[in-house]
Protein backbone atom coordinates (compact mmCIF):
# COMPACT_ATOMS: atom_id res chain seq x y z
CA MET A 1 -11.55 -11.98 2.83
CA SER A 2 -11.86 -15.59 3.86
CA TYR A 3 -13.14 -18.13 1.34
CA ASN A 4 -16.30 -18.78 3.36
CA LEU A 5 -17.21 -15.10 3.76
CA LYS A 6 -16.40 -14.38 0.13
CA SER A 7 -18.46 -17.36 -1.00
CA ARG A 8 -21.48 -16.24 0.99
CA PHE A 9 -21.05 -12.71 -0.24
CA LEU A 10 -20.89 -13.82 -3.88
CA LEU A 11 -24.00 -15.92 -3.38
CA LEU A 12 -25.76 -12.88 -1.94
CA LEU A 13 -24.47 -10.85 -4.88
CA SER A 14 -25.81 -13.38 -7.34
CA PHE A 15 -29.31 -13.23 -5.90
CA CYS A 16 -29.16 -9.44 -5.78
CA VAL A 17 -28.02 -9.31 -9.39
CA VAL A 18 -30.86 -11.62 -10.32
CA GLY A 19 -33.57 -9.54 -8.73
CA PHE A 20 -32.75 -6.38 -6.80
CA ASN A 21 -33.17 -2.71 -7.62
CA SER A 22 -32.43 0.20 -5.33
CA ALA A 23 -35.06 1.95 -3.27
CA PHE A 24 -35.15 4.28 -0.34
CA ALA A 25 -38.09 3.94 2.01
CA GLN A 26 -36.98 6.13 4.86
CA SER A 27 -39.71 8.63 5.66
CA GLY A 28 -39.65 10.64 8.88
CA ILE A 29 -42.55 12.75 7.64
CA SER A 30 -44.22 12.74 11.08
CA LEU A 31 -41.21 14.19 12.88
CA TYR A 32 -40.77 16.64 10.01
CA HIS A 33 -44.22 18.13 10.73
CA LEU A 34 -43.07 19.24 14.18
CA THR A 35 -40.79 21.68 12.25
CA ASN A 36 -38.67 23.59 14.80
CA SER A 37 -40.15 22.02 17.94
CA THR A 38 -37.06 19.79 18.17
CA TYR A 39 -33.46 20.11 17.07
CA GLN A 40 -34.02 17.02 14.89
CA GLY A 41 -36.28 19.09 12.63
CA SER A 42 -33.11 20.57 11.11
CA ASN A 43 -32.24 17.09 9.80
CA PHE A 44 -35.16 17.49 7.38
CA ASN A 45 -34.91 21.23 6.75
CA PRO A 46 -31.92 23.28 8.02
CA ALA A 47 -34.22 26.34 8.16
CA PHE A 48 -36.12 24.72 11.06
CA PHE A 49 -34.04 25.93 14.01
CA PRO A 50 -35.57 25.28 17.43
CA GLU A 51 -36.70 27.91 19.92
CA GLY A 52 -34.37 28.52 22.82
CA LYS A 53 -30.76 29.53 23.41
CA THR A 54 -28.57 26.42 23.68
CA PHE A 55 -29.19 22.78 22.69
CA ILE A 56 -27.16 19.72 23.60
CA GLY A 57 -27.60 16.13 22.47
CA LEU A 58 -26.31 13.15 24.44
CA PRO A 59 -24.60 10.21 22.69
CA VAL A 60 -27.15 7.71 21.34
CA LEU A 61 -29.94 8.98 23.62
CA SER A 62 -30.58 12.09 21.54
CA GLY A 63 -31.43 10.32 18.34
CA ILE A 64 -32.32 6.73 17.41
CA MET A 65 -34.10 5.90 14.16
CA ILE A 66 -35.13 2.53 12.72
CA ASP A 67 -37.04 2.25 9.46
CA TYR A 68 -38.00 -0.96 7.65
CA ASN A 69 -40.21 -1.32 4.59
CA GLY A 70 -40.87 -4.72 3.01
CA ARG A 71 -43.52 -6.94 1.46
CA VAL A 72 -43.56 -9.89 3.82
CA ASN A 73 -45.62 -10.26 6.98
CA TYR A 74 -46.70 -13.18 9.11
CA GLU A 75 -50.19 -13.35 7.61
CA ASP A 76 -48.79 -13.72 4.08
CA ALA A 77 -47.13 -17.02 4.92
CA ILE A 78 -49.63 -18.49 7.40
CA THR A 79 -53.05 -20.01 6.75
CA THR A 80 -55.74 -21.81 8.74
CA ASN A 81 -56.44 -25.42 7.76
CA GLU A 82 -59.75 -27.29 7.89
CA ILE A 83 -59.47 -28.11 11.60
CA GLY A 84 -58.63 -24.55 12.58
CA GLU A 85 -54.88 -24.98 13.02
CA ARG A 86 -52.42 -22.36 11.80
CA GLU A 87 -49.77 -23.64 9.39
CA TRP A 88 -47.17 -22.32 6.97
CA ASP A 89 -48.39 -21.54 3.44
CA ILE A 90 -45.36 -20.33 1.50
CA ASP A 91 -47.14 -21.06 -1.79
CA ASN A 92 -49.65 -18.33 -0.99
CA PHE A 93 -46.91 -15.79 -0.35
CA VAL A 94 -45.02 -16.72 -3.52
CA ASP A 95 -48.13 -16.71 -5.72
CA ASN A 96 -49.05 -13.21 -4.50
CA ALA A 97 -45.62 -11.66 -5.09
CA LYS A 98 -45.80 -8.45 -7.10
CA LYS A 99 -43.89 -7.74 -10.27
CA ARG A 100 -41.74 -5.23 -8.39
CA ASN A 101 -41.13 -5.46 -4.66
CA TYR A 102 -38.56 -3.63 -2.64
CA ILE A 103 -37.06 -3.91 0.78
CA SER A 104 -35.33 -1.14 2.69
CA MET A 105 -33.69 -1.04 6.11
CA GLU A 106 -32.40 2.22 7.57
CA ALA A 107 -30.88 3.16 10.91
CA GLU A 108 -29.46 6.38 12.33
CA ILE A 109 -27.77 7.12 15.65
CA SER A 110 -27.02 10.62 16.88
CA THR A 111 -23.55 10.61 18.43
CA LEU A 112 -23.57 14.27 19.43
CA HIS A 113 -25.10 17.65 18.64
CA VAL A 114 -24.52 21.12 20.05
CA ALA A 115 -26.40 24.18 18.80
CA TRP A 116 -26.62 27.74 20.02
CA ARG A 117 -28.45 30.91 19.06
CA LYS A 118 -26.01 33.82 18.76
CA SER A 119 -28.79 36.38 18.30
CA LYS A 120 -32.42 36.63 17.27
CA THR A 121 -31.40 36.26 13.61
CA GLN A 122 -28.39 33.94 13.68
CA ALA A 123 -27.56 30.48 15.04
CA PHE A 124 -24.98 27.70 14.62
CA SER A 125 -24.78 23.95 15.19
CA LEU A 126 -22.24 21.10 15.34
CA PHE A 127 -23.28 17.45 15.00
CA VAL A 128 -22.08 13.86 14.47
CA ARG A 129 -24.34 11.06 13.16
CA GLU A 130 -23.95 7.38 12.26
CA ARG A 131 -25.94 6.42 9.14
CA ILE A 132 -26.60 2.85 8.00
CA GLY A 133 -28.72 1.67 5.06
CA ALA A 134 -29.45 -1.43 2.97
CA ARG A 135 -31.81 -1.22 0.03
CA GLY A 136 -32.91 -3.54 -2.72
CA PHE A 137 -35.68 -4.39 -5.20
CA TYR A 138 -36.78 -7.92 -6.13
CA GLY A 139 -39.16 -9.21 -8.79
CA GLU A 140 -41.80 -11.91 -8.60
CA ASN A 141 -39.80 -14.21 -10.89
CA VAL A 142 -36.97 -14.29 -8.35
CA VAL A 143 -39.31 -15.41 -5.57
CA LYS A 144 -41.00 -18.04 -7.72
CA THR A 145 -37.70 -19.38 -9.06
CA ALA A 146 -36.24 -19.67 -5.56
CA TRP A 147 -39.31 -21.58 -4.30
CA TYR A 148 -40.56 -23.59 -7.29
CA GLY A 149 -37.34 -23.85 -9.29
CA ASN A 150 -36.90 -22.75 -12.89
CA SER A 151 -39.72 -24.95 -14.18
CA THR A 152 -42.11 -22.00 -13.91
CA LEU A 153 -39.89 -19.95 -16.24
CA VAL A 154 -39.24 -22.50 -18.98
CA GLY A 155 -39.41 -20.65 -22.28
CA ASP A 156 -39.32 -17.31 -20.46
CA GLU A 157 -36.63 -15.01 -19.07
CA ILE A 158 -35.89 -12.73 -16.12
CA ASP A 159 -35.21 -9.11 -17.07
CA LEU A 160 -32.31 -7.68 -15.07
CA SER A 161 -32.28 -4.17 -16.50
CA ARG A 162 -31.87 -1.30 -14.03
CA THR A 163 -30.88 -3.76 -11.31
CA ALA A 164 -28.87 -2.48 -8.34
CA LEU A 165 -27.90 -3.06 -4.72
CA ASP A 166 -26.91 -0.36 -2.22
CA VAL A 167 -25.52 -1.15 1.25
CA ARG A 168 -23.48 1.44 3.15
CA TYR A 169 -22.45 2.66 6.57
CA TYR A 170 -20.84 6.05 7.06
CA ARG A 171 -20.36 8.77 9.67
CA GLU A 172 -21.07 12.47 9.12
CA TYR A 173 -19.47 15.41 10.95
CA GLY A 174 -21.41 18.60 10.29
CA PHE A 175 -21.53 22.35 10.85
CA GLY A 176 -24.77 24.27 10.38
CA VAL A 177 -25.63 27.95 9.96
CA TRP A 178 -29.13 29.36 10.40
CA ARG A 179 -30.12 32.91 9.47
CA SER A 180 -33.39 34.83 9.75
CA ILE A 181 -34.30 37.84 7.56
CA PRO A 182 -37.29 39.29 9.47
CA ASN A 183 -38.14 42.13 7.08
CA ARG A 184 -38.62 39.57 4.29
CA GLY A 185 -40.16 36.84 6.43
CA ILE A 186 -37.51 34.30 5.39
CA ASN A 187 -35.45 31.81 7.38
CA ILE A 188 -32.61 29.98 5.61
CA GLY A 189 -30.29 27.19 6.73
CA VAL A 190 -27.17 25.46 5.42
CA ARG A 191 -25.40 22.40 6.86
CA VAL A 192 -21.99 21.38 5.51
CA LYS A 193 -20.93 17.79 6.23
CA PHE A 194 -17.60 15.95 6.23
CA LEU A 195 -18.17 12.22 5.61
CA ASN A 196 -16.17 9.13 6.60
CA GLY A 197 -17.24 5.83 5.04
CA MET A 198 -16.97 2.55 6.98
CA VAL A 199 -18.50 -0.19 4.78
CA SER A 200 -19.92 -0.19 1.27
CA ALA A 201 -21.32 -2.68 -1.28
CA VAL A 202 -22.92 -1.20 -4.40
CA THR A 203 -23.63 -2.43 -7.91
CA ASP A 204 -22.71 -0.58 -11.07
CA ASN A 205 -25.33 1.81 -12.43
CA LYS A 206 -24.73 0.60 -16.00
CA PHE A 207 -25.65 -3.01 -15.27
CA ASP A 208 -28.01 -4.69 -17.73
CA GLY A 209 -28.85 -8.27 -18.58
CA SER A 210 -31.25 -11.19 -18.58
CA ILE A 211 -31.54 -14.89 -17.72
CA GLY A 212 -33.44 -17.07 -20.21
CA PHE A 213 -34.58 -20.66 -19.60
CA GLU A 214 -34.79 -23.04 -22.56
CA GLU A 215 -37.91 -25.14 -23.09
CA ASN A 216 -37.88 -28.81 -22.10
CA SER A 217 -34.59 -28.46 -20.22
CA TYR A 218 -32.95 -26.93 -17.21
CA ILE A 219 -30.48 -24.92 -19.25
CA ALA A 220 -30.21 -21.27 -18.24
CA ASN A 221 -28.62 -18.70 -20.53
CA PHE A 222 -27.05 -15.74 -18.73
CA ASP A 223 -26.48 -12.48 -20.63
CA LEU A 224 -24.82 -9.93 -18.31
CA ASN A 225 -23.47 -6.51 -19.28
CA SER A 226 -21.37 -4.42 -16.86
CA ALA A 227 -22.34 -6.71 -13.97
CA THR A 228 -20.06 -5.16 -11.37
CA ILE A 229 -20.20 -4.83 -7.61
CA ASN A 230 -17.84 -2.57 -5.68
CA THR A 231 -17.06 -3.21 -2.02
CA SER A 232 -15.00 -1.51 0.69
CA GLY A 233 -14.21 -2.61 4.23
CA LEU A 234 -15.33 -6.26 3.98
CA ASN A 235 -11.83 -7.70 4.40
CA ILE A 236 -11.24 -5.47 7.42
CA ILE A 237 -14.47 -6.69 9.03
CA ASP A 238 -13.45 -10.28 8.33
CA ALA A 239 -10.02 -9.73 9.90
CA GLY A 240 -11.37 -7.96 13.00
CA GLY A 241 -9.00 -7.00 15.80
CA SER A 242 -7.17 -3.70 16.11
CA ASP A 243 -7.40 -2.98 12.38
CA LEU A 244 -11.18 -3.03 12.58
CA THR A 245 -11.18 -0.78 15.66
CA SER A 246 -8.89 1.72 13.97
CA HIS A 247 -10.96 1.59 10.78
CA MET A 248 -14.19 2.33 12.64
CA ILE A 249 -12.63 5.32 14.39
CA SER A 250 -11.18 6.94 11.28
CA ASN A 251 -10.05 5.89 7.79
CA GLY A 252 -9.35 7.19 4.29
CA ASN A 253 -12.87 6.78 2.84
CA LEU A 254 -13.68 10.48 2.69
CA GLY A 255 -16.46 12.59 1.23
CA ALA A 256 -18.54 15.73 1.60
CA GLY A 257 -22.21 16.67 1.64
CA ILE A 258 -24.52 19.63 2.08
CA ASP A 259 -28.13 20.25 3.22
CA LEU A 260 -30.06 23.35 2.11
CA GLY A 261 -33.37 24.70 3.42
CA ALA A 262 -35.66 27.72 3.41
CA HIS A 263 -38.88 28.70 5.22
CA TRP A 264 -40.84 31.67 3.85
CA LYS A 265 -43.68 33.38 5.73
CA ILE A 266 -45.90 34.54 2.86
CA THR A 267 -48.62 36.08 5.03
CA ASN A 268 -49.43 36.02 8.74
CA GLU A 269 -51.23 32.70 8.22
CA LEU A 270 -49.60 31.13 5.15
CA SER A 271 -46.00 29.91 4.83
CA ALA A 272 -43.96 27.56 2.63
CA ALA A 273 -40.89 25.43 3.29
CA VAL A 274 -38.52 23.59 0.95
CA SER A 275 -35.30 21.67 1.50
CA VAL A 276 -32.79 19.43 -0.29
CA ASN A 277 -30.67 17.11 1.85
CA ASP A 278 -27.65 14.87 1.31
CA LEU A 279 -26.19 16.37 -1.82
CA GLY A 280 -22.69 14.90 -1.92
CA PHE A 281 -20.41 11.88 -2.39
CA ILE A 282 -17.99 9.46 -0.70
CA ARG A 283 -14.73 8.27 -2.26
CA TRP A 284 -14.06 4.67 -1.16
CA LYS A 285 -10.28 4.09 -1.18
CA VAL A 286 -9.69 1.76 1.79
CA ASP A 287 -9.79 -2.01 1.12
CA PRO A 288 -11.61 -1.66 -2.24
CA GLU A 289 -12.56 -4.78 -4.21
CA ASN A 290 -14.34 -4.76 -7.55
CA TYR A 291 -15.99 -7.96 -8.81
CA LEU A 292 -16.66 -7.80 -12.53
CA MET A 293 -18.65 -9.91 -14.98
CA ALA A 294 -18.60 -7.39 -17.81
CA ASP A 295 -20.31 -8.41 -21.05
CA THR A 296 -20.52 -12.07 -20.11
CA THR A 297 -22.65 -14.78 -21.68
CA PHE A 298 -22.64 -18.28 -20.22
CA ARG A 299 -24.89 -21.31 -19.71
CA PHE A 300 -25.85 -23.46 -16.76
CA GLU A 301 -26.65 -26.95 -18.04
CA GLY A 302 -28.44 -29.70 -16.18
CA ILE A 303 -29.06 -27.84 -12.92
CA ASP A 304 -32.56 -28.13 -11.51
CA LEU A 305 -33.09 -25.10 -9.28
CA ALA A 306 -35.77 -27.02 -7.42
CA ASP A 307 -33.00 -29.34 -6.24
CA VAL A 308 -31.75 -27.11 -3.45
CA GLY A 309 -29.11 -29.59 -2.38
CA ASN A 310 -26.73 -29.00 -5.27
CA PHE A 311 -27.79 -25.51 -6.29
CA GLU A 312 -25.56 -23.47 -3.98
CA ASP A 313 -22.36 -25.43 -4.66
CA ALA A 314 -22.86 -25.52 -8.40
CA TYR A 315 -23.79 -21.88 -8.63
CA LEU A 316 -20.94 -20.68 -6.39
CA ASP A 317 -18.30 -22.75 -8.17
CA SER A 318 -19.33 -21.42 -11.55
CA LEU A 319 -19.63 -17.84 -10.35
CA GLN A 320 -16.24 -17.88 -8.60
CA ASN A 321 -14.55 -19.33 -11.65
CA ARG A 322 -15.82 -16.43 -13.71
CA LEU A 323 -14.90 -13.79 -11.15
CA GLN A 324 -11.45 -14.96 -10.13
CA ASP A 325 -9.73 -13.30 -13.09
CA THR A 326 -11.82 -10.12 -12.94
CA THR A 327 -11.34 -8.96 -9.36
CA LEU A 328 -9.74 -5.52 -9.12
CA ASN A 329 -8.70 -3.25 -6.27
CA ARG A 330 -9.54 0.23 -7.43
CA ALA A 331 -11.19 3.11 -5.61
CA TYR A 332 -14.73 4.14 -6.54
CA THR A 333 -17.13 6.96 -5.76
CA THR A 334 -20.77 6.78 -4.68
CA GLY A 335 -23.26 9.63 -4.45
CA LEU A 336 -25.40 10.17 -1.37
CA ASN A 337 -29.07 9.23 -1.34
CA THR A 338 -30.62 12.66 -1.82
CA SER A 339 -33.97 13.59 -0.28
CA SER A 340 -36.16 16.69 -0.57
CA TYR A 341 -39.20 18.10 1.26
CA ALA A 342 -41.72 20.72 0.23
CA SER A 343 -44.62 21.98 2.38
CA LEU A 344 -47.40 24.53 2.44
CA MET A 345 -48.52 25.50 5.96
CA TYR A 346 -51.62 27.33 7.18
CA GLN A 347 -51.50 28.78 10.71
CA LEU A 348 -55.14 28.68 11.81
CA THR A 349 -54.31 30.06 15.27
CA PRO A 350 -51.00 30.71 17.05
CA ASN A 351 -51.21 27.12 18.35
CA ASP A 352 -52.87 25.26 15.45
CA ARG A 353 -51.34 24.52 12.05
CA PHE A 354 -52.37 22.50 8.98
CA THR A 355 -49.67 21.26 6.59
CA GLY A 356 -49.58 19.59 3.19
CA SER A 357 -46.23 17.99 2.30
CA ILE A 358 -44.47 16.11 -0.46
CA ALA A 359 -41.23 14.22 0.20
CA SER A 360 -39.08 12.59 -2.46
CA TYR A 361 -36.15 10.22 -2.07
CA ILE A 362 -33.65 9.51 -4.81
CA VAL A 363 -31.33 6.53 -4.86
CA ARG A 364 -29.14 6.25 -7.94
CA GLY A 365 -31.78 7.76 -10.20
CA ASN A 366 -34.84 6.04 -8.68
CA PHE A 367 -37.58 8.23 -7.17
CA ARG A 368 -39.88 7.39 -4.26
CA MET A 369 -42.60 9.89 -3.36
CA ILE A 370 -44.50 10.41 -0.08
CA TYR A 371 -47.63 12.58 0.14
CA SER A 372 -48.90 13.74 3.51
CA ALA A 373 -51.47 15.97 5.23
CA ALA A 374 -50.89 16.90 8.88
CA TYR A 375 -52.35 18.79 11.83
CA THR A 376 -49.95 20.18 14.46
CA ARG A 377 -50.95 21.54 17.88
CA LYS A 378 -48.97 23.44 20.53
CA VAL A 379 -50.12 22.98 24.10
CA GLY A 380 -48.38 25.76 25.98
CA ARG A 381 -44.68 25.24 26.48
CA VAL A 382 -45.09 21.62 27.55
CA LEU A 383 -46.30 19.65 24.52
CA ASP A 384 -46.09 19.79 20.73
CA VAL A 385 -48.00 17.06 18.90
CA SER A 386 -48.62 16.29 15.22
CA ALA A 387 -50.84 13.72 13.47
CA ASN A 388 -50.79 12.96 9.75
CA VAL A 389 -52.20 10.78 7.01
CA SER A 390 -49.57 9.76 4.45
CA ARG A 391 -49.26 7.73 1.28
CA ILE A 392 -46.02 5.76 1.63
CA PRO A 393 -44.41 3.72 -1.19
CA GLN A 394 -45.44 0.06 -1.14
CA GLN A 395 -47.47 0.54 2.09
CA GLY A 396 -50.30 2.70 0.74
CA ILE A 397 -52.19 4.94 3.19
CA ASP A 398 -50.90 5.00 6.75
CA LEU A 399 -51.20 7.09 9.91
CA GLY A 400 -48.34 8.89 11.63
CA LEU A 401 -47.90 10.59 15.00
CA ALA A 402 -45.14 12.69 16.55
CA ALA A 403 -44.85 14.42 19.94
CA ALA A 404 -42.28 16.47 21.83
CA VAL A 405 -42.70 16.81 25.59
CA ASN A 406 -40.77 19.47 27.54
CA PHE A 407 -39.90 19.28 31.23
CA GLY A 408 -37.89 22.40 31.99
CA SER A 409 -34.59 22.00 30.18
CA CYS A 410 -35.32 18.36 29.23
CA GLN A 411 -37.15 17.37 26.05
CA ILE A 412 -38.30 13.92 24.95
CA TYR A 413 -39.62 13.26 21.43
CA MET A 414 -41.12 10.22 19.74
CA ALA A 415 -42.43 9.71 16.21
CA SER A 416 -43.66 6.99 13.86
CA ASP A 417 -45.01 7.08 10.30
CA LYS A 418 -46.56 3.61 10.32
CA LEU A 419 -49.26 3.02 12.95
CA LEU A 420 -52.18 1.33 11.15
CA ARG A 421 -50.92 -2.22 11.55
CA ILE A 422 -48.93 -1.80 14.75
CA TRP A 423 -51.83 -3.19 16.82
CA ASP A 424 -51.72 -6.49 14.92
CA VAL A 425 -48.16 -7.85 14.94
CA THR A 426 -49.02 -10.55 12.40
CA LYS A 427 -49.69 -7.91 9.73
CA ILE A 428 -46.61 -5.75 10.26
CA ASP A 429 -44.48 -5.49 7.13
CA ALA A 430 -43.10 -2.01 7.80
CA VAL A 431 -41.72 -0.28 10.89
CA ASP A 432 -40.75 3.32 11.53
CA PHE A 433 -39.69 4.52 14.96
CA ARG A 434 -37.78 7.60 16.17
CA PHE A 435 -36.89 8.51 19.71
CA GLY A 436 -34.62 11.01 21.41
CA PHE A 437 -33.77 13.03 24.51
CA ASN A 438 -32.55 16.63 24.18
CA LEU A 439 -31.29 19.27 26.60
CA VAL A 440 -32.76 22.71 25.84
CA PHE A 441 -31.59 25.74 27.81
CA ASN A 442 -33.09 29.26 28.13
CA GLY A 443 -36.60 27.84 27.99
CA LYS A 444 -38.53 26.68 24.96
CA GLY A 445 -40.10 29.70 23.34
CA LYS A 446 -38.71 32.18 25.91
CA SER A 447 -37.86 35.53 24.33
CA PRO A 448 -34.49 37.22 24.95
CA LYS A 449 -34.42 40.19 27.35
CA ASP A 450 -35.90 43.33 25.75
CA ASP A 451 -33.31 46.13 25.56
CA ASN A 452 -35.83 48.69 24.20
CA SER A 453 -33.55 49.30 21.20
CA ASP A 454 -36.62 49.90 19.02
CA LEU A 455 -37.42 53.06 21.03
CA THR A 456 -34.13 54.83 20.27
CA HIS A 457 -34.47 58.13 18.31
CA PRO A 458 -32.32 61.26 17.76
CA SER A 459 -32.87 63.99 20.32
CA PRO A 460 -35.16 66.83 19.12
CA TYR A 461 -32.87 69.39 20.73
CA GLY A 462 -30.19 69.23 18.06
CA LYS A 463 -27.53 66.93 16.65
CA LYS A 464 -25.10 67.71 19.46
CA GLU A 465 -27.48 66.33 22.03
CA LYS A 466 -27.30 62.71 23.13
CA VAL A 467 -29.65 60.10 21.62
CA GLU A 468 -32.79 59.72 23.68
CA LYS A 469 -35.64 57.24 23.75
CA SER A 470 -39.25 57.91 22.89
CA ASP A 471 -42.44 55.96 22.50
CA GLY A 472 -44.85 57.74 20.16
CA ILE A 473 -45.39 61.35 21.27
CA TYR A 474 -43.99 60.70 24.74
CA TRP A 475 -40.34 61.16 25.58
CA ILE A 476 -38.75 58.79 28.00
CA ILE A 477 -36.92 60.80 30.63
CA ARG A 478 -34.15 59.15 32.53
CA LYS A 479 -34.73 58.68 36.17
CA GLN A 480 -33.41 61.65 38.12
CA LYS A 481 -31.65 61.60 41.43
CA PRO A 482 -33.87 62.79 44.26
CA ARG A 483 -33.25 66.27 45.58
CA PRO A 484 -31.49 66.47 48.94
CA VAL A 485 -33.78 66.91 51.94
CA TYR A 486 -32.76 69.61 54.38
CA GLU A 487 -33.81 69.75 57.98
CA LYS A 488 -36.47 72.41 58.56
CA THR A 489 -35.38 75.60 60.26
CA ARG A 490 -36.73 75.98 63.71
CA PHE A 491 -37.91 79.43 64.80
CA LYS A 492 -37.60 80.51 68.36
CA ASP A 493 -40.18 82.58 70.16
CA TYR A 494 -38.83 85.68 71.80
């Protein structure tokens, strides 16, 4: 890695170590409430297999997801002065920072999916997806220190316990199996995934520490325990060229994952669904670098953080000096960011359904919960639409909407979980958008040809007779050939 890139990365690391904790804000609860209306429903619960015979996804077009969740919006940093002009007011934003704030950015791209229904009770799928995520948590002291300098923290300290950073990009190749058990009213699904990691930067789970500022001085005392960040792929990105191309196609960062789901029809009207997704790991062996500051105590003397001019150079020089003898090149393993969904559904009519759902996301031991209530409506074979009210971490109550429109064998879907502030761009601090185009063959909701197999019974004329078909008390008699018609005999008069 070049000196410049490494320097910037270490500076980023230092700020993350000072104030970030992992979080996972991805939702998708609106698209989830369409259940099996789209193939993408199986991404949330493998037991949601769509209606139809064969399903094909086109590269990129069949699945694009962008999800951002933060604290900052335009209104937080802008104010109106006495003469009615709009001007920056960073002090207002800094003063209103919460004790714990997180930021999360997620993106997914569907490279390919192919699924087919082998029979009424069994189906299979193959898929490839690109998954990118960056997550972090920052405290109010970090924001105030960066803006006002350390003068606001004289005699106080910043607690760094449970601090973490999680940035990763990986590709998943998957195979799914869906099975229906009609006599028990249960659908189950399993998706096994082979994973290939591209880029990673994660902090050690055991990290702990604090930064204390002495009174009447600018001396900062750092106490860091197991302050480690593991990276993979950064040198390859810096080098570029054919090595980067080869790395992005395939490399030795391998892992495995599994998704599990079930959907149980309790009564004709009531059903329940539960799923657990992304149970697994990735072993990062290609271009690993481990930056360690284990059990370190050191002091910064005479640096005024409000003096931005010399802060970066002084901080980087000191940090690099402490890391240069503790940089290793050893492989490491990261777990996937597991998510789970649980729902109770009430089918009011064949076309109207009410759903209550809970979704949880886990990143390195941290939970984020989403609570949602939704109404879903089928409009013939053309339109499926769902609207919901959800409580989303950091954003509070928000509205979501999802729709799937079918034009013959073509299906278009769109979904968003965050619509309340979309009409006022200045207040947007979170974005969730999903879009895709699917090819669905054999008609959405079209039943396979009836072979009348349910009417087959043993013949009443004895075991040696062939099996015949009956419906209740009536026997179904095979169509007989018509009798031959003979020409009438003509009689002559004598």
